[in-house]
Amino acid sequence: MAATPPPLLSSSMASPDDPRPLLLSHDRNFALHGEIMMLVFLLLFAAFLSFLLLLFYTRLSRGNASRQDSSSSDPVSPDKFGFVQRKS
């Protein structure tokens, strides 16, 4: 008795003589569209990081500006760690 191979390993599915290409998608420009999508995601991520850096920079500069304004009239001002120092 000859055992038939399982359908997943049959020789007809992996035939090199088959002229038809294996199509996983009907989109002929699948690779090009993938590269464009990757570029779009990369640019969106870079824009998001730039936005975060700009946000932190503006908060930091706004905080420093308010400290300088309040410290100019006050003879005692806190340093960046919160310790009080006398102005001389």
N, C-alpha and C. Protein backbone atom coordinates (compact mmCIF):
# COMPACT_ATOMS: atom_id res chain seq x y z
N MET A 1 0.82 -1.18 0.00
CA MET A 1 0.00 0.00 0.00
C MET A 1 0.87 1.24 0.00
N ALA A 2 0.65 2.03 -0.96
CA ALA A 2 1.43 3.27 -1.06
C ALA A 2 0.64 4.38 -0.39
N ALA A 3 1.32 5.08 0.47
CA ALA A 3 0.67 6.19 1.19
C ALA A 3 0.73 7.44 0.33
N THR A 4 -0.37 8.14 0.25
CA THR A 4 -0.37 9.39 -0.51
C THR A 4 0.16 10.51 0.37
N PRO A 5 0.92 11.43 -0.22
CA PRO A 5 1.47 12.53 0.59
C PRO A 5 0.37 13.46 1.07
N PRO A 6 0.58 14.12 2.18
CA PRO A 6 -0.43 15.08 2.64
C PRO A 6 -0.59 16.20 1.62
N PRO A 7 -1.75 16.83 1.59
CA PRO A 7 -2.00 17.84 0.56
C PRO A 7 -1.05 19.04 0.64
N LEU A 8 -0.54 19.35 1.82
CA LEU A 8 0.36 20.50 1.91
C LEU A 8 1.72 20.21 1.31
N LEU A 9 2.10 18.96 1.22
CA LEU A 9 3.41 18.59 0.71
C LEU A 9 3.34 17.97 -0.68
N SER A 10 2.25 18.10 -1.35
CA SER A 10 2.11 17.47 -2.66
C SER A 10 3.02 18.17 -3.66
N SER A 11 3.48 17.41 -4.63
CA SER A 11 4.43 17.95 -5.61
C SER A 11 3.76 18.92 -6.58
N SER A 12 2.45 18.85 -6.72
CA SER A 12 1.77 19.75 -7.65
C SER A 12 1.74 21.19 -7.14
N MET A 13 1.84 21.40 -5.83
CA MET A 13 1.79 22.76 -5.30
C MET A 13 3.13 23.46 -5.42
N ALA A 14 4.24 22.74 -5.37
CA ALA A 14 5.55 23.34 -5.40
C ALA A 14 6.25 23.07 -6.72
N SER A 15 5.51 22.98 -7.76
CA SER A 15 6.07 22.66 -9.07
C SER A 15 6.83 23.85 -9.65
N PRO A 16 8.11 23.68 -10.01
CA PRO A 16 8.86 24.78 -10.63
C PRO A 16 8.47 25.01 -12.08
N ASP A 17 7.71 24.07 -12.67
CA ASP A 17 7.29 24.21 -14.06
C ASP A 17 6.11 25.16 -14.21
N ASP A 18 5.49 25.52 -13.12
CA ASP A 18 4.30 26.37 -13.15
C ASP A 18 4.68 27.79 -13.57
N PRO A 19 4.17 28.28 -14.70
CA PRO A 19 4.54 29.63 -15.16
C PRO A 19 3.81 30.75 -14.40
N ARG A 20 2.76 30.38 -13.69
CA ARG A 20 2.02 31.41 -12.96
C ARG A 20 2.77 31.79 -11.69
N PRO A 21 2.98 33.10 -11.46
CA PRO A 21 3.63 33.52 -10.20
C PRO A 21 2.67 33.40 -9.03
N LEU A 22 3.23 33.21 -7.88
CA LEU A 22 2.43 33.12 -6.66
C LEU A 22 2.03 34.53 -6.25
N LEU A 23 0.75 34.84 -6.36
CA LEU A 23 0.27 36.18 -6.03
C LEU A 23 -0.39 36.17 -4.67
N LEU A 24 0.19 36.92 -3.74
CA LEU A 24 -0.42 37.06 -2.42
C LEU A 24 -1.35 38.26 -2.39
N SER A 25 -1.14 39.16 -3.31
CA SER A 25 -1.96 40.36 -3.39
C SER A 25 -2.22 40.65 -4.86
N HIS A 26 -3.33 41.27 -5.14
CA HIS A 26 -3.63 41.64 -6.52
C HIS A 26 -2.98 42.96 -6.89
N ASP A 27 -2.33 43.59 -5.95
CA ASP A 27 -1.65 44.86 -6.19
C ASP A 27 -0.28 44.58 -6.80
N ARG A 28 -0.05 45.06 -8.01
CA ARG A 28 1.23 44.81 -8.67
C ARG A 28 2.34 45.68 -8.08
N ASN A 29 2.00 46.80 -7.48
CA ASN A 29 2.99 47.71 -6.89
C ASN A 29 3.04 47.56 -5.38
N PHE A 30 2.91 46.34 -4.91
CA PHE A 30 2.85 46.07 -3.48
C PHE A 30 4.12 46.54 -2.75
N ALA A 31 5.28 46.28 -3.31
CA ALA A 31 6.55 46.67 -2.68
C ALA A 31 6.70 48.19 -2.66
N LEU A 32 6.34 48.84 -3.75
CA LEU A 32 6.44 50.30 -3.82
C LEU A 32 5.51 50.96 -2.80
N HIS A 33 4.29 50.44 -2.69
CA HIS A 33 3.35 51.00 -1.72
C HIS A 33 3.82 50.75 -0.30
N GLY A 34 4.46 49.62 -0.05
CA GLY A 34 5.01 49.35 1.28
C GLY A 34 6.13 50.32 1.62
N GLU A 35 6.99 50.62 0.65
CA GLU A 35 8.08 51.58 0.90
C GLU A 35 7.53 52.98 1.14
N ILE A 36 6.52 53.36 0.41
CA ILE A 36 5.91 54.68 0.61
C ILE A 36 5.26 54.76 1.98
N MET A 37 4.56 53.69 2.38
CA MET A 37 3.92 53.68 3.70
C MET A 37 4.97 53.74 4.81
N MET A 38 6.08 53.02 4.63
CA MET A 38 7.16 53.06 5.63
C MET A 38 7.73 54.47 5.73
N LEU A 39 7.91 55.15 4.61
CA LEU A 39 8.42 56.52 4.62
C LEU A 39 7.45 57.47 5.31
N VAL A 40 6.16 57.29 5.06
CA VAL A 40 5.15 58.13 5.71
C VAL A 40 5.16 57.92 7.22
N PHE A 41 5.23 56.66 7.66
CA PHE A 41 5.28 56.38 9.10
C PHE A 41 6.55 56.94 9.73
N LEU A 42 7.66 56.84 9.03
CA LEU A 42 8.92 57.37 9.53
C LEU A 42 8.86 58.89 9.67
N LEU A 43 8.28 59.56 8.69
CA LEU A 43 8.14 61.01 8.76
C LEU A 43 7.17 61.44 9.85
N LEU A 44 6.09 60.69 10.03
CA LEU A 44 5.16 61.00 11.11
C LEU A 44 5.82 60.82 12.48
N PHE A 45 6.63 59.79 12.63
CA PHE A 45 7.33 59.56 13.89
C PHE A 45 8.35 60.67 14.14
N ALA A 46 9.07 61.09 13.11
CA ALA A 46 10.03 62.18 13.26
C ALA A 46 9.32 63.49 13.62
N ALA A 47 8.17 63.74 13.01
CA ALA A 47 7.40 64.94 13.34
C ALA A 47 6.90 64.88 14.78
N PHE A 48 6.48 63.71 15.23
CA PHE A 48 6.02 63.55 16.60
C PHE A 48 7.15 63.81 17.59
N LEU A 49 8.33 63.26 17.32
CA LEU A 49 9.48 63.51 18.20
C LEU A 49 9.87 64.99 18.20
N SER A 50 9.83 65.62 17.04
CA SER A 50 10.13 67.05 16.97
C SER A 50 9.13 67.87 17.78
N PHE A 51 7.86 67.48 17.70
CA PHE A 51 6.82 68.16 18.47
C PHE A 51 7.08 68.02 19.97
N LEU A 52 7.45 66.81 20.41
CA LEU A 52 7.75 66.61 21.83
C LEU A 52 8.94 67.44 22.28
N LEU A 53 9.99 67.47 21.47
CA LEU A 53 11.17 68.27 21.82
C LEU A 53 10.82 69.75 21.88
N LEU A 54 10.04 70.23 20.92
CA LEU A 54 9.64 71.63 20.91
C LEU A 54 8.76 71.95 22.12
N LEU A 55 7.88 71.04 22.48
CA LEU A 55 7.02 71.24 23.64
C LEU A 55 7.84 71.34 24.92
N PHE A 56 8.78 70.43 25.11
CA PHE A 56 9.63 70.48 26.30
C PHE A 56 10.50 71.72 26.31
N TYR A 57 11.01 72.13 25.16
CA TYR A 57 11.85 73.32 25.08
C TYR A 57 11.05 74.58 25.43
N THR A 58 9.82 74.69 24.93
CA THR A 58 9.02 75.88 25.23
C THR A 58 8.63 75.91 26.70
N ARG A 59 8.30 74.75 27.27
CA ARG A 59 7.97 74.72 28.71
C ARG A 59 9.18 75.08 29.55
N LEU A 60 10.34 74.60 29.16
CA LEU A 60 11.56 74.90 29.90
C LEU A 60 11.91 76.38 29.79
N SER A 61 11.82 76.94 28.60
CA SER A 61 12.15 78.35 28.43
C SER A 61 11.11 79.25 29.10
N ARG A 62 9.84 78.85 29.08
CA ARG A 62 8.80 79.63 29.73
C ARG A 62 9.01 79.62 31.25
N GLY A 63 9.41 78.47 31.78
CA GLY A 63 9.67 78.36 33.21
C GLY A 63 10.88 79.20 33.62
N ASN A 64 11.92 79.21 32.80
CA ASN A 64 13.10 80.02 33.09
C ASN A 64 12.79 81.50 32.99
N ALA A 65 11.96 81.90 32.04
CA ALA A 65 11.60 83.32 31.88
C ALA A 65 10.79 83.80 33.08
N SER A 66 9.87 82.97 33.57
CA SER A 66 9.06 83.38 34.72
C SER A 66 9.92 83.44 35.99
N ARG A 67 10.91 82.56 36.09
CA ARG A 67 11.81 82.62 37.24
C ARG A 67 12.67 83.87 37.21
N GLN A 68 13.13 84.25 36.03
CA GLN A 68 13.97 85.45 35.92
C GLN A 68 13.16 86.70 36.23
N ASP A 69 11.91 86.74 35.79
CA ASP A 69 11.06 87.91 36.07
C ASP A 69 10.78 88.03 37.57
N SER A 70 10.49 86.93 38.22
CA SER A 70 10.17 86.99 39.64
C SER A 70 11.43 87.19 40.47
N SER A 71 12.56 86.73 40.01
CA SER A 71 13.78 86.84 40.80
C SER A 71 14.43 88.22 40.69
N SER A 72 14.06 89.01 39.69
CA SER A 72 14.68 90.32 39.55
C SER A 72 14.24 91.28 40.64
N SER A 73 13.04 91.14 41.16
CA SER A 73 12.55 92.05 42.20
C SER A 73 12.72 91.46 43.60
N ASP A 74 12.96 90.16 43.70
CA ASP A 74 13.05 89.48 44.99
C ASP A 74 14.52 89.32 45.38
N PRO A 75 14.92 89.76 46.61
CA PRO A 75 16.32 89.60 46.99
C PRO A 75 16.71 88.15 47.27
N VAL A 76 15.73 87.28 47.48
CA VAL A 76 16.00 85.87 47.73
C VAL A 76 15.35 85.07 46.60
N SER A 77 16.16 84.22 45.94
CA SER A 77 15.61 83.46 44.82
C SER A 77 16.05 82.01 44.93
N PRO A 78 15.16 81.08 44.56
CA PRO A 78 15.54 79.66 44.59
C PRO A 78 16.40 79.33 43.36
N ASP A 79 17.37 78.44 43.55
CA ASP A 79 18.14 78.00 42.40
C ASP A 79 17.39 76.86 41.70
N LYS A 80 18.02 76.22 40.75
CA LYS A 80 17.30 75.22 39.97
C LYS A 80 16.92 73.98 40.77
N PHE A 81 17.54 73.77 41.94
CA PHE A 81 17.21 72.62 42.77
C PHE A 81 16.19 73.00 43.87
N GLY A 82 15.81 74.26 43.96
CA GLY A 82 14.82 74.68 44.95
C GLY A 82 15.44 75.23 46.21
N PHE A 83 16.78 75.28 46.31
CA PHE A 83 17.41 75.85 47.50
C PHE A 83 17.41 77.36 47.40
N VAL A 84 17.18 78.03 48.52
CA VAL A 84 17.11 79.48 48.54
C VAL A 84 18.52 80.04 48.70
N GLN A 85 18.83 81.01 47.82
CA GLN A 85 20.14 81.67 47.89
C GLN A 85 19.91 83.17 47.95
N ARG A 86 20.73 83.84 48.73
CA ARG A 86 20.66 85.30 48.81
C ARG A 86 21.39 85.91 47.64
N LYS A 87 20.78 86.95 47.09
CA LYS A 87 21.45 87.69 46.02
C LYS A 87 22.40 88.67 46.65
N SER A 88 23.56 88.82 46.07
CA SER A 88 24.49 89.81 46.61
C SER A 88 24.73 90.95 45.65
